[in-house]
Amino acid sequence: MKKFVHLATSFFLALGSAAIVAYAMAHLAHHSLGFPRSVLREQALICAAILLSLVAIEFLASRE
């Protein structure tokens, strides 16, 4: 049970940190560099899909 709590806590901390960094980078790219929001949204969805697949692979590999 402790391993599950540790894994869940680590996951939520990583998720929160990633969300803060993603928001800061999007703000910087939109306001300082002039990228349109539609381009940023498309790239964010692609990155989210890649990260989701990597997390799923690690989770399934560690269930051995």
Protein backbone atom coordinates (compact mmCIF):
# COMPACT_ATOMS: atom_id res chain seq x y z
CA MET A 1 0.00 0.00 0.00
CA LYS A 2 2.88 2.39 0.76
CA LYS A 3 4.28 1.86 -2.72
CA PHE A 4 0.94 2.85 -4.26
CA VAL A 5 0.71 6.01 -2.12
CA HIS A 6 4.27 6.94 -3.03
CA LEU A 7 3.58 6.33 -6.72
CA ALA A 8 0.36 8.36 -6.64
CA THR A 9 2.01 11.24 -4.77
CA SER A 10 4.93 11.30 -7.18
CA PHE A 11 2.57 11.20 -10.14
CA PHE A 12 0.47 14.13 -8.90
CA LEU A 13 3.55 16.20 -8.04
CA ALA A 14 4.99 15.56 -11.50
CA LEU A 15 1.65 16.36 -13.10
CA GLY A 16 1.32 19.63 -11.20
CA SER A 17 4.89 20.66 -12.00
CA ALA A 18 4.40 19.84 -15.67
CA ALA A 19 1.19 21.88 -15.78
CA ILE A 20 2.88 24.92 -14.25
CA VAL A 21 5.83 24.69 -16.65
CA ALA A 22 3.53 24.17 -19.64
CA TYR A 23 1.45 27.22 -18.69
CA ALA A 24 4.56 29.37 -18.25
CA MET A 25 6.02 28.25 -21.58
CA ALA A 26 2.73 28.84 -23.41
CA HIS A 27 2.42 32.30 -21.88
CA LEU A 28 5.97 33.14 -22.91
CA ALA A 29 5.52 31.77 -26.44
CA HIS A 30 2.21 33.57 -26.98
CA HIS A 31 2.96 36.95 -25.44
CA SER A 32 6.69 37.34 -26.00
CA LEU A 33 7.29 35.40 -29.20
CA GLY A 34 3.92 35.94 -30.89
CA PHE A 35 2.90 32.35 -31.60
CA PRO A 36 -0.85 31.96 -32.21
CA ARG A 37 -2.77 29.94 -29.62
CA SER A 38 -3.97 27.40 -32.19
CA VAL A 39 -0.38 26.33 -32.92
CA LEU A 40 0.37 26.02 -29.22
CA ARG A 41 -2.79 23.97 -28.65
CA GLU A 42 -1.91 21.53 -31.43
CA GLN A 43 1.62 20.99 -30.11
CA ALA A 44 0.31 20.56 -26.56
CA LEU A 45 -2.06 17.80 -27.66
CA ILE A 46 0.72 15.98 -29.50
CA CYS A 47 3.04 16.20 -26.48
CA ALA A 48 0.27 15.04 -24.15
CA ALA A 49 -0.35 11.98 -26.32
CA ILE A 50 3.35 11.12 -26.34
CA LEU A 51 3.66 11.52 -22.58
CA LEU A 52 0.52 9.48 -21.98
CA SER A 53 1.89 6.61 -24.04
CA LEU A 54 5.25 6.70 -22.22
CA VAL A 55 3.60 6.70 -18.80
CA ALA A 56 1.32 3.83 -19.83
CA ILE A 57 4.30 1.81 -21.09
CA GLU A 58 6.21 2.33 -17.85
CA PHE A 59 3.17 1.51 -15.73
CA LEU A 60 2.47 -1.70 -17.62
CA ALA A 61 6.14 -2.70 -17.61
CA SER A 62 6.42 -2.25 -13.83
CA ARG A 63 3.40 -4.51 -13.16
CA GLU A 64 5.47 -7.67 -13.78
